[in-house]
Amino acid sequence: MAYDYQAVHALDGTIGAISERRANHLAVHRAMAIAVVMAAPGRTAEAAGILVANGDFEARFCGPGEWLVLSEVHAPETLAAELSIRLGDFAHIVDQSHGRVVLTLSGPDVARILANGIAVDLHADAFPIGRAANALCQHLPVNLARTGETSFDLVVMRSFAEALVGDLKIMSRSFDLSVDFATR
């Protein structure tokens, strides 16, 4: 017996199209290639060097010898294979494209919104552009990365995406937040 499965985004049916994008905006990415890379024992420096030297993807720090790799250039089906070729025996790669959701929070009040639920110093001197950290947003584990002066990416497990969007809406009640799927 054959089954016909269709990919459905974790937030389909939860958020709808908006009529107007506001100054503070939460963009939900529909498809992003995501992989977790864990350096082989004693090979952290080699793996880090290969990940940092590439422009086809972005490696975000998760912990010692561990990175979350995101790419809009590669398809979810090919990112893990490409990383395996580049990293060889220096690291182990696990595809997470269908298991995680990427959200981009942007706007003039983004640091103040996030301060309502994340216990990380988000001042630009302490958390500059390009910095990433694993953190709790309210009660949910996320990988938080500053992607611009007024924008942050939050990567969350698929099963927690709806709860995270709900928490972000509550955290931004006094800041006029719009939520929609990303167009890029």
C-alpha atoms as a PDB file:
ATOM      1  CA  MET A   1       0.000   0.000   0.000  1.00  0.00           C
ATOM      2  CA  ALA A   2       1.403   3.400  -0.988  1.00  0.00           C
ATOM      3  CA  TYR A   3       0.858   6.568   0.991  1.00  0.00           C
ATOM      4  CA  ASP A   4       0.919  10.049  -0.449  1.00  0.00           C
ATOM      5  CA  TYR A   5       2.319  12.480   2.125  1.00  0.00           C
ATOM      6  CA  GLN A   6       2.227  16.238   1.735  1.00  0.00           C
ATOM      7  CA  ALA A   7       4.551  18.585   3.543  1.00  0.00           C
ATOM      8  CA  VAL A   8       2.653  21.066   5.685  1.00  0.00           C
ATOM      9  CA  HIS A   9       4.311  23.912   7.555  1.00  0.00           C
ATOM     10  CA  ALA A  10       3.880  23.746  11.326  1.00  0.00           C
ATOM     11  CA  LEU A  11       2.104  27.126  11.306  1.00  0.00           C
ATOM     12  CA  ASP A  12      -0.198  26.640   8.301  1.00  0.00           C
ATOM     13  CA  GLY A  13      -3.695  27.512   9.427  1.00  0.00           C
ATOM     14  CA  THR A  14      -2.379  29.295  12.518  1.00  0.00           C
ATOM     15  CA  ILE A  15      -1.291  32.580  11.001  1.00  0.00           C
ATOM     16  CA  GLY A  16      -2.967  34.244   8.088  1.00  0.00           C
ATOM     17  CA  ALA A  17      -2.139  36.945   5.594  1.00  0.00           C
ATOM     18  CA  ILE A  18      -1.951  40.448   7.006  1.00  0.00           C
ATOM     19  CA  SER A  19      -3.257  43.601   5.371  1.00  0.00           C
ATOM     20  CA  GLU A  20      -0.401  45.808   6.558  1.00  0.00           C
ATOM     21  CA  ARG A  21       3.111  45.118   7.785  1.00  0.00           C
ATOM     22  CA  ARG A  22       3.805  47.064  10.969  1.00  0.00           C
ATOM     23  CA  ALA A  23       7.105  48.536  12.219  1.00  0.00           C
ATOM     24  CA  ASN A  24       7.701  45.445  14.382  1.00  0.00           C
ATOM     25  CA  HIS A  25       7.208  42.291  12.344  1.00  0.00           C
ATOM     26  CA  LEU A  26       7.555  38.548  12.874  1.00  0.00           C
ATOM     27  CA  ALA A  27       8.290  36.744   9.612  1.00  0.00           C
ATOM     28  CA  VAL A  28       7.849  32.955   9.531  1.00  0.00           C
ATOM     29  CA  HIS A  29      10.058  31.223   6.953  1.00  0.00           C
ATOM     30  CA  ARG A  30       8.306  28.507   4.959  1.00  0.00           C
ATOM     31  CA  ALA A  31      11.304  26.488   3.792  1.00  0.00           C
ATOM     32  CA  MET A  32      14.841  26.756   5.071  1.00  0.00           C
ATOM     33  CA  ALA A  33      17.571  24.154   4.869  1.00  0.00           C
ATOM     34  CA  ILE A  34      18.782  23.449   8.409  1.00  0.00           C
ATOM     35  CA  ALA A  35      21.336  20.977   9.736  1.00  0.00           C
ATOM     36  CA  VAL A  36      23.053  20.343  13.042  1.00  0.00           C
ATOM     37  CA  VAL A  37      26.824  19.858  12.816  1.00  0.00           C
ATOM     38  CA  MET A  38      28.730  18.245  15.677  1.00  0.00           C
ATOM     39  CA  ALA A  39      32.509  18.147  15.465  1.00  0.00           C
ATOM     40  CA  ALA A  40      34.191  14.774  15.752  1.00  0.00           C
ATOM     41  CA  PRO A  41      36.301  14.362  18.913  1.00  0.00           C
ATOM     42  CA  GLY A  42      39.442  16.472  18.596  1.00  0.00           C
ATOM     43  CA  ARG A  43      38.325  18.021  15.277  1.00  0.00           C
ATOM     44  CA  THR A  44      36.494  21.166  16.454  1.00  0.00           C
ATOM     45  CA  ALA A  45      39.033  23.611  14.989  1.00  0.00           C
ATOM     46  CA  GLU A  46      39.015  21.964  11.556  1.00  0.00           C
ATOM     47  CA  ALA A  47      35.212  21.802  11.427  1.00  0.00           C
ATOM     48  CA  ALA A  48      34.866  25.424  12.563  1.00  0.00           C
ATOM     49  CA  GLY A  49      37.348  26.574   9.915  1.00  0.00           C
ATOM     50  CA  ILE A  50      35.393  24.894   7.129  1.00  0.00           C
ATOM     51  CA  LEU A  51      32.035  26.209   8.351  1.00  0.00           C
ATOM     52  CA  VAL A  52      33.212  29.805   8.764  1.00  0.00           C
ATOM     53  CA  ALA A  53      34.944  29.915   5.373  1.00  0.00           C
ATOM     54  CA  ASN A  54      31.790  29.236   3.369  1.00  0.00           C
ATOM     55  CA  GLY A  55      29.259  31.741   2.033  1.00  0.00           C
ATOM     56  CA  ASP A  56      26.593  29.236   0.917  1.00  0.00           C
ATOM     57  CA  PHE A  57      25.340  28.772   4.452  1.00  0.00           C
ATOM     58  CA  GLU A  58      25.418  30.371   7.888  1.00  0.00           C
ATOM     59  CA  ALA A  59      26.835  28.466  10.862  1.00  0.00           C
ATOM     60  CA  ARG A  60      25.445  29.516  14.234  1.00  0.00           C
ATOM     61  CA  PHE A  61      27.060  28.528  17.511  1.00  0.00           C
ATOM     62  CA  CYS A  62      25.043  26.115  19.662  1.00  0.00           C
ATOM     63  CA  GLY A  63      27.708  24.890  22.069  1.00  0.00           C
ATOM     64  CA  PRO A  64      31.300  23.681  22.100  1.00  0.00           C
ATOM     65  CA  GLY A  65      31.849  21.863  18.815  1.00  0.00           C
ATOM     66  CA  GLU A  66      28.203  22.206  17.762  1.00  0.00           C
ATOM     67  CA  TRP A  67      26.610  24.495  15.183  1.00  0.00           C
ATOM     68  CA  LEU A  68      23.206  25.048  13.654  1.00  0.00           C
ATOM     69  CA  VAL A  69      23.698  25.561   9.912  1.00  0.00           C
ATOM     70  CA  LEU A  70      21.082  27.439   7.865  1.00  0.00           C
ATOM     71  CA  SER A  71      20.996  27.932   4.107  1.00  0.00           C
ATOM     72  CA  GLU A  72      18.699  29.598   1.644  1.00  0.00           C
ATOM     73  CA  VAL A  73      21.003  28.579  -1.218  1.00  0.00           C
ATOM     74  CA  HIS A  74      20.743  24.826  -0.678  1.00  0.00           C
ATOM     75  CA  ALA A  75      17.542  22.808  -0.752  1.00  0.00           C
ATOM     76  CA  PRO A  76      16.706  20.994   2.474  1.00  0.00           C
ATOM     77  CA  GLU A  77      17.445  17.717   0.708  1.00  0.00           C
ATOM     78  CA  THR A  78      20.975  18.729  -0.296  1.00  0.00           C
ATOM     79  CA  LEU A  79      22.394  20.719   2.627  1.00  0.00           C
ATOM     80  CA  ALA A  80      23.335  17.716   4.765  1.00  0.00           C
ATOM     81  CA  ALA A  81      24.931  16.003   1.777  1.00  0.00           C
ATOM     82  CA  GLU A  82      26.921  19.139   0.907  1.00  0.00           C
ATOM     83  CA  LEU A  83      28.098  19.512   4.500  1.00  0.00           C
ATOM     84  CA  SER A  84      29.117  15.837   4.608  1.00  0.00           C
ATOM     85  CA  ILE A  85      31.282  16.325   1.520  1.00  0.00           C
ATOM     86  CA  ARG A  86      32.929  19.494   2.860  1.00  0.00           C
ATOM     87  CA  LEU A  87      33.443  18.314   6.442  1.00  0.00           C
ATOM     88  CA  GLY A  88      34.286  14.665   5.782  1.00  0.00           C
ATOM     89  CA  ASP A  89      35.462  12.954   8.977  1.00  0.00           C
ATOM     90  CA  PHE A  90      35.744  16.260  10.873  1.00  0.00           C
ATOM     91  CA  ALA A  91      32.060  16.288  11.887  1.00  0.00           C
ATOM     92  CA  HIS A  92      28.730  14.505  12.065  1.00  0.00           C
ATOM     93  CA  ILE A  93      25.731  16.083  10.319  1.00  0.00           C
ATOM     94  CA  VAL A  94      22.011  15.662  11.013  1.00  0.00           C
ATOM     95  CA  ASP A  95      19.360  17.204   8.730  1.00  0.00           C
ATOM     96  CA  GLN A  96      16.853  19.269  10.715  1.00  0.00           C
ATOM     97  CA  SER A  97      15.083  21.041   7.832  1.00  0.00           C
ATOM     98  CA  HIS A  98      11.675  19.553   8.567  1.00  0.00           C
ATOM     99  CA  GLY A  99      12.130  19.462  12.332  1.00  0.00           C
ATOM    100  CA  ARG A 100      12.731  23.152  13.023  1.00  0.00           C
ATOM    101  CA  VAL A 101      11.108  26.476  12.153  1.00  0.00           C
ATOM    102  CA  VAL A 102      12.920  29.772  11.545  1.00  0.00           C
ATOM    103  CA  LEU A 103      11.308  33.047  12.628  1.00  0.00           C
ATOM    104  CA  THR A 104      12.719  36.539  12.011  1.00  0.00           C
ATOM    105  CA  LEU A 105      11.698  39.255  14.439  1.00  0.00           C
ATOM    106  CA  SER A 106      12.524  42.750  13.189  1.00  0.00           C
ATOM    107  CA  GLY A 107      11.715  46.336  14.029  1.00  0.00           C
ATOM    108  CA  PRO A 108      12.739  49.239  16.221  1.00  0.00           C
ATOM    109  CA  ASP A 109      11.469  47.600  19.438  1.00  0.00           C
ATOM    110  CA  VAL A 110      12.799  44.091  18.835  1.00  0.00           C
ATOM    111  CA  ALA A 111      15.285  44.065  21.745  1.00  0.00           C
ATOM    112  CA  ARG A 112      12.618  45.347  24.137  1.00  0.00           C
ATOM    113  CA  ILE A 113      10.150  42.707  22.906  1.00  0.00           C
ATOM    114  CA  LEU A 114      12.672  39.906  23.382  1.00  0.00           C
ATOM    115  CA  ALA A 115      13.682  41.257  26.804  1.00  0.00           C
ATOM    116  CA  ASN A 116      10.147  40.386  27.970  1.00  0.00           C
ATOM    117  CA  GLY A 117      10.918  36.676  27.646  1.00  0.00           C
ATOM    118  CA  ILE A 118      14.632  36.054  27.088  1.00  0.00           C
ATOM    119  CA  ALA A 119      17.236  36.409  29.846  1.00  0.00           C
ATOM    120  CA  VAL A 120      20.128  37.371  27.556  1.00  0.00           C
ATOM    121  CA  ASP A 121      21.793  40.786  27.345  1.00  0.00           C
ATOM    122  CA  LEU A 122      20.743  41.890  23.843  1.00  0.00           C
ATOM    123  CA  HIS A 123      22.642  45.201  23.791  1.00  0.00           C
ATOM    124  CA  ALA A 124      24.645  45.467  20.550  1.00  0.00           C
ATOM    125  CA  ASP A 125      27.943  45.535  22.499  1.00  0.00           C
ATOM    126  CA  ALA A 126      27.143  42.299  24.341  1.00  0.00           C
ATOM    127  CA  PHE A 127      25.277  40.539  21.516  1.00  0.00           C
ATOM    128  CA  PRO A 128      26.621  41.908  18.198  1.00  0.00           C
ATOM    129  CA  ILE A 129      25.454  41.076  14.679  1.00  0.00           C
ATOM    130  CA  GLY A 130      26.432  37.492  13.889  1.00  0.00           C
ATOM    131  CA  ARG A 131      26.309  36.304  17.507  1.00  0.00           C
ATOM    132  CA  ALA A 132      24.107  33.309  18.300  1.00  0.00           C
ATOM    133  CA  ALA A 133      23.209  31.523  21.524  1.00  0.00           C
ATOM    134  CA  ASN A 134      20.879  28.857  22.755  1.00  0.00           C
ATOM    135  CA  ALA A 135      18.379  30.423  25.146  1.00  0.00           C
ATOM    136  CA  LEU A 136      14.937  30.022  26.634  1.00  0.00           C
ATOM    137  CA  CYS A 137      12.192  32.238  25.276  1.00  0.00           C
ATOM    138  CA  GLN A 138       9.653  32.093  28.080  1.00  0.00           C
ATOM    139  CA  HIS A 139       9.796  28.305  28.595  1.00  0.00           C
ATOM    140  CA  LEU A 140      10.793  27.237  25.064  1.00  0.00           C
ATOM    141  CA  PRO A 141      14.332  26.402  23.903  1.00  0.00           C
ATOM    142  CA  VAL A 142      15.422  28.484  20.893  1.00  0.00           C
ATOM    143  CA  ASN A 143      18.593  29.329  19.025  1.00  0.00           C
ATOM    144  CA  LEU A 144      18.701  33.126  18.968  1.00  0.00           C
ATOM    145  CA  ALA A 145      20.889  35.012  16.465  1.00  0.00           C
ATOM    146  CA  ARG A 146      21.276  38.733  15.839  1.00  0.00           C
ATOM    147  CA  THR A 147      21.060  39.168  12.069  1.00  0.00           C
ATOM    148  CA  GLY A 148      20.959  42.975  11.946  1.00  0.00           C
ATOM    149  CA  GLU A 149      20.823  46.080  14.114  1.00  0.00           C
ATOM    150  CA  THR A 150      17.080  45.584  14.587  1.00  0.00           C
ATOM    151  CA  SER A 151      16.515  41.943  13.634  1.00  0.00           C
ATOM    152  CA  PHE A 152      16.899  38.560  15.288  1.00  0.00           C
ATOM    153  CA  ASP A 153      16.301  35.011  14.081  1.00  0.00           C
ATOM    154  CA  LEU A 154      14.776  32.456  16.399  1.00  0.00           C
ATOM    155  CA  VAL A 155      15.071  28.778  15.451  1.00  0.00           C
ATOM    156  CA  VAL A 156      12.705  26.507  17.333  1.00  0.00           C
ATOM    157  CA  MET A 157      11.689  22.872  17.157  1.00  0.00           C
ATOM    158  CA  ARG A 158       8.680  22.383  14.890  1.00  0.00           C
ATOM    159  CA  SER A 159       6.446  21.117  17.679  1.00  0.00           C
ATOM    160  CA  PHE A 160       7.071  24.310  19.700  1.00  0.00           C
ATOM    161  CA  ALA A 161       6.588  26.804  16.831  1.00  0.00           C
ATOM    162  CA  GLU A 162       2.934  27.591  17.527  1.00  0.00           C
ATOM    163  CA  ALA A 163       3.607  28.129  21.230  1.00  0.00           C
ATOM    164  CA  LEU A 164       6.592  30.383  20.454  1.00  0.00           C
ATOM    165  CA  VAL A 165       4.554  32.563  18.083  1.00  0.00           C
ATOM    166  CA  GLY A 166       1.878  32.852  20.761  1.00  0.00           C
ATOM    167  CA  ASP A 167       4.477  33.816  23.373  1.00  0.00           C
ATOM    168  CA  LEU A 168       6.032  36.408  21.042  1.00  0.00           C
ATOM    169  CA  LYS A 169       2.599  37.938  20.430  1.00  0.00           C
ATOM    170  CA  ILE A 170       2.068  38.234  24.179  1.00  0.00           C
ATOM    171  CA  MET A 171       5.580  39.628  24.721  1.00  0.00           C
ATOM    172  CA  SER A 172       4.918  42.318  22.099  1.00  0.00           C
ATOM    173  CA  ARG A 173       1.409  43.390  23.134  1.00  0.00           C
ATOM    174  CA  SER A 174       2.481  46.988  23.720  1.00  0.00           C
ATOM    175  CA  PHE A 175       4.631  47.193  20.573  1.00  0.00           C
ATOM    176  CA  ASP A 176       2.169  46.618  17.698  1.00  0.00           C
ATOM    177  CA  LEU A 177       3.530  43.430  16.095  1.00  0.00           C
ATOM    178  CA  SER A 178       2.435  41.976  12.746  1.00  0.00           C
ATOM    179  CA  VAL A 179       2.950  38.276  11.930  1.00  0.00           C
ATOM    180  CA  ASP A 180       3.049  36.714   8.475  1.00  0.00           C
ATOM    181  CA  PHE A 181       4.935  34.207   6.362  1.00  0.00           C
ATOM    182  CA  ALA A 182       8.206  35.566   4.953  1.00  0.00           C
ATOM    183  CA  THR A 183       8.350  36.499   1.306  1.00  0.00           C
ATOM    184  CA  ARG A 184      12.066  35.852   0.781  1.00  0.00           C
END
